[in-house]
N, C-alpha and C. Protein backbone atom coordinates (compact mmCIF):
# COMPACT_ATOMS: atom_id res chain seq x y z
N UNK A 1 64.54 149.92 -186.62
CA UNK A 1 65.93 149.89 -186.22
C UNK A 1 66.17 148.64 -185.38
N UNK A 2 67.25 147.93 -185.65
CA UNK A 2 67.52 146.71 -184.89
C UNK A 2 68.60 146.95 -183.84
N UNK A 3 68.57 146.10 -182.84
CA UNK A 3 69.54 146.16 -181.75
C UNK A 3 70.45 144.93 -181.87
N UNK A 4 71.75 145.13 -181.81
CA UNK A 4 72.71 144.03 -181.82
C UNK A 4 73.14 143.74 -180.40
N UNK A 5 73.00 142.50 -179.96
CA UNK A 5 73.40 142.10 -178.62
C UNK A 5 74.38 140.94 -178.75
N UNK A 6 75.56 141.10 -178.17
CA UNK A 6 76.59 140.07 -178.29
C UNK A 6 76.21 138.85 -177.45
N UNK A 7 76.35 137.67 -178.06
CA UNK A 7 76.07 136.42 -177.37
C UNK A 7 77.38 135.89 -176.79
N UNK A 8 77.43 135.74 -175.48
CA UNK A 8 78.66 135.31 -174.81
C UNK A 8 78.50 134.01 -174.04
N UNK A 9 77.43 133.88 -173.30
CA UNK A 9 77.27 132.74 -172.41
C UNK A 9 76.35 131.68 -173.03
N UNK A 10 76.36 130.50 -172.42
CA UNK A 10 75.47 129.44 -172.89
C UNK A 10 74.01 129.86 -172.77
N UNK A 11 73.68 130.61 -171.74
CA UNK A 11 72.29 131.06 -171.60
C UNK A 11 71.90 132.04 -172.71
N UNK A 12 72.85 132.87 -173.18
CA UNK A 12 72.59 133.75 -174.32
C UNK A 12 72.28 132.93 -175.57
N UNK A 13 73.09 131.91 -175.81
CA UNK A 13 72.87 131.05 -176.97
C UNK A 13 71.58 130.25 -176.85
N UNK A 14 71.27 129.78 -175.63
CA UNK A 14 70.04 129.03 -175.39
C UNK A 14 68.81 129.90 -175.67
N UNK A 15 68.85 131.15 -175.24
CA UNK A 15 67.74 132.07 -175.48
C UNK A 15 67.54 132.32 -176.97
N UNK A 16 68.64 132.54 -177.70
CA UNK A 16 68.56 132.75 -179.15
C UNK A 16 68.04 131.50 -179.86
N UNK A 17 68.43 130.33 -179.37
CA UNK A 17 67.96 129.07 -179.95
C UNK A 17 66.46 128.91 -179.72
N UNK A 18 66.02 129.13 -178.50
CA UNK A 18 64.59 128.97 -178.17
C UNK A 18 63.70 129.95 -178.91
N UNK A 19 64.14 131.21 -179.01
CA UNK A 19 63.33 132.24 -179.66
C UNK A 19 63.51 132.27 -181.17
N UNK A 20 64.48 131.49 -181.69
CA UNK A 20 64.77 131.45 -183.12
C UNK A 20 65.03 132.83 -183.69
N UNK A 21 65.76 133.66 -182.94
CA UNK A 21 66.11 134.99 -183.42
C UNK A 21 67.24 134.90 -184.43
N UNK A 22 67.27 135.83 -185.34
CA UNK A 22 68.33 135.89 -186.35
C UNK A 22 69.62 136.38 -185.70
N UNK A 23 70.73 135.81 -186.14
CA UNK A 23 72.03 136.24 -185.60
C UNK A 23 72.97 136.59 -186.74
N UNK A 24 74.00 137.34 -186.39
CA UNK A 24 75.11 137.63 -187.30
C UNK A 24 76.37 137.05 -186.69
N UNK A 25 77.25 136.54 -187.56
CA UNK A 25 78.50 135.94 -187.10
C UNK A 25 79.66 136.67 -187.76
N UNK A 26 80.62 137.06 -186.95
CA UNK A 26 81.82 137.75 -187.43
C UNK A 26 83.06 136.92 -187.11
N UNK A 27 84.01 136.92 -188.04
CA UNK A 27 85.33 136.32 -187.80
C UNK A 27 86.36 137.27 -188.40
N UNK A 28 87.37 137.61 -187.64
CA UNK A 28 88.42 138.55 -188.08
C UNK A 28 87.81 139.87 -188.55
N UNK A 29 86.82 140.36 -187.80
CA UNK A 29 86.14 141.63 -188.08
C UNK A 29 85.41 141.67 -189.42
N UNK A 30 85.09 140.52 -189.96
CA UNK A 30 84.31 140.45 -191.20
C UNK A 30 83.08 139.58 -190.96
N UNK A 31 81.98 140.00 -191.54
CA UNK A 31 80.76 139.23 -191.38
C UNK A 31 80.83 137.98 -192.26
N UNK A 32 80.57 136.82 -191.66
CA UNK A 32 80.62 135.57 -192.42
C UNK A 32 79.26 134.89 -192.49
N UNK A 33 78.33 135.34 -191.65
CA UNK A 33 76.97 134.80 -191.66
C UNK A 33 76.04 135.94 -191.28
N UNK A 34 75.20 136.36 -192.20
CA UNK A 34 74.46 137.61 -192.03
C UNK A 34 73.11 137.46 -191.33
N UNK A 35 72.38 136.42 -191.60
CA UNK A 35 71.04 136.31 -191.04
C UNK A 35 70.64 134.84 -190.98
N UNK A 36 70.95 134.19 -189.89
CA UNK A 36 70.61 132.79 -189.74
C UNK A 36 70.15 132.53 -188.31
N UNK A 37 69.66 131.34 -188.06
CA UNK A 37 69.23 130.97 -186.72
C UNK A 37 70.14 129.87 -186.19
N UNK A 38 70.21 129.77 -184.88
CA UNK A 38 71.03 128.74 -184.25
C UNK A 38 70.25 127.43 -184.25
N UNK A 39 70.89 126.37 -184.73
CA UNK A 39 70.28 125.05 -184.73
C UNK A 39 70.69 124.30 -183.47
N UNK A 40 71.98 124.36 -183.14
CA UNK A 40 72.49 123.76 -181.91
C UNK A 40 73.84 124.38 -181.58
N UNK A 41 74.28 124.15 -180.36
CA UNK A 41 75.57 124.68 -179.94
C UNK A 41 76.11 123.82 -178.81
N UNK A 42 77.42 123.89 -178.62
CA UNK A 42 78.07 123.30 -177.45
C UNK A 42 79.19 124.23 -177.03
N UNK A 43 80.09 123.78 -176.22
CA UNK A 43 81.13 124.65 -175.68
C UNK A 43 82.15 125.10 -176.72
N UNK A 44 82.23 124.41 -177.85
CA UNK A 44 83.23 124.76 -178.86
C UNK A 44 82.66 125.17 -180.21
N UNK A 45 81.42 124.80 -180.52
CA UNK A 45 80.86 125.02 -181.85
C UNK A 45 79.43 125.54 -181.78
N UNK A 46 79.10 126.42 -182.74
CA UNK A 46 77.72 126.87 -182.93
C UNK A 46 77.33 126.53 -184.35
N UNK A 47 76.21 125.84 -184.51
CA UNK A 47 75.70 125.47 -185.83
C UNK A 47 74.55 126.39 -186.17
N UNK A 48 74.63 127.04 -187.34
CA UNK A 48 73.58 127.95 -187.77
C UNK A 48 72.98 127.46 -189.09
N UNK A 49 71.76 127.91 -189.35
CA UNK A 49 71.06 127.53 -190.58
C UNK A 49 70.36 128.77 -191.13
N UNK A 50 70.61 129.06 -192.42
CA UNK A 50 69.96 130.20 -193.04
C UNK A 50 68.91 129.78 -194.06
N UNK A 51 68.97 128.55 -194.53
CA UNK A 51 67.94 128.01 -195.42
C UNK A 51 67.86 126.50 -195.18
N UNK A 52 67.01 125.83 -195.91
CA UNK A 52 66.79 124.40 -195.67
C UNK A 52 68.07 123.59 -195.78
N UNK A 53 68.89 123.87 -196.75
CA UNK A 53 70.08 123.05 -196.97
C UNK A 53 71.39 123.76 -196.61
N UNK A 54 71.33 124.91 -195.96
CA UNK A 54 72.53 125.69 -195.68
C UNK A 54 72.86 125.69 -194.19
N UNK A 55 73.71 124.74 -193.78
CA UNK A 55 74.19 124.68 -192.41
C UNK A 55 75.63 125.17 -192.37
N UNK A 56 75.95 125.95 -191.33
CA UNK A 56 77.32 126.43 -191.16
C UNK A 56 77.77 126.12 -189.74
N UNK A 57 79.03 125.70 -189.61
CA UNK A 57 79.62 125.38 -188.32
C UNK A 57 80.64 126.45 -187.98
N UNK A 58 80.50 127.07 -186.80
CA UNK A 58 81.37 128.15 -186.38
C UNK A 58 82.04 127.80 -185.06
N UNK A 59 83.35 128.01 -184.98
CA UNK A 59 84.07 127.80 -183.73
C UNK A 59 83.80 128.98 -182.80
N UNK A 60 83.37 128.70 -181.58
CA UNK A 60 83.06 129.78 -180.64
C UNK A 60 84.28 130.61 -180.29
N UNK A 61 85.45 129.98 -180.29
CA UNK A 61 86.66 130.70 -179.91
C UNK A 61 87.16 131.64 -181.01
N UNK A 62 86.75 131.41 -182.25
CA UNK A 62 87.23 132.20 -183.39
C UNK A 62 86.23 133.25 -183.87
N UNK A 63 84.99 133.16 -183.41
CA UNK A 63 83.93 134.02 -183.95
C UNK A 63 83.26 134.84 -182.85
N UNK A 64 82.58 135.90 -183.30
CA UNK A 64 81.73 136.70 -182.43
C UNK A 64 80.30 136.58 -182.95
N UNK A 65 79.36 136.43 -182.04
CA UNK A 65 77.97 136.20 -182.40
C UNK A 65 77.11 137.33 -181.84
N UNK A 66 76.20 137.83 -182.68
CA UNK A 66 75.33 138.93 -182.29
C UNK A 66 73.89 138.58 -182.61
N UNK A 67 73.03 138.79 -181.64
CA UNK A 67 71.60 138.58 -181.76
C UNK A 67 71.01 139.85 -182.39
N UNK A 68 70.16 139.69 -183.41
CA UNK A 68 69.51 140.83 -184.05
C UNK A 68 68.08 140.94 -183.54
N UNK A 69 67.78 142.04 -182.89
CA UNK A 69 66.43 142.26 -182.37
C UNK A 69 65.87 143.56 -182.91
N UNK A 70 64.61 143.53 -183.18
CA UNK A 70 63.91 144.75 -183.62
C UNK A 70 63.40 145.48 -182.39
N UNK A 71 63.38 146.79 -182.48
CA UNK A 71 62.85 147.59 -181.37
C UNK A 71 61.36 147.58 -181.38
């Protein structure tokens, strides 16, 4: 069973980046990115990667980010 933890602060994003944990991204209550890792982030954008050539750019103000952890 996995635990979903909402990423809100820069330290939350930094921890997910360092540990390379999988995240889920939601926009308008719909999942738009199911299982990817954070490549980089700043105050307005989070860049995720799910495969070698698949980069996605997400606006922090428009999306919700959740860290997926296994128990």
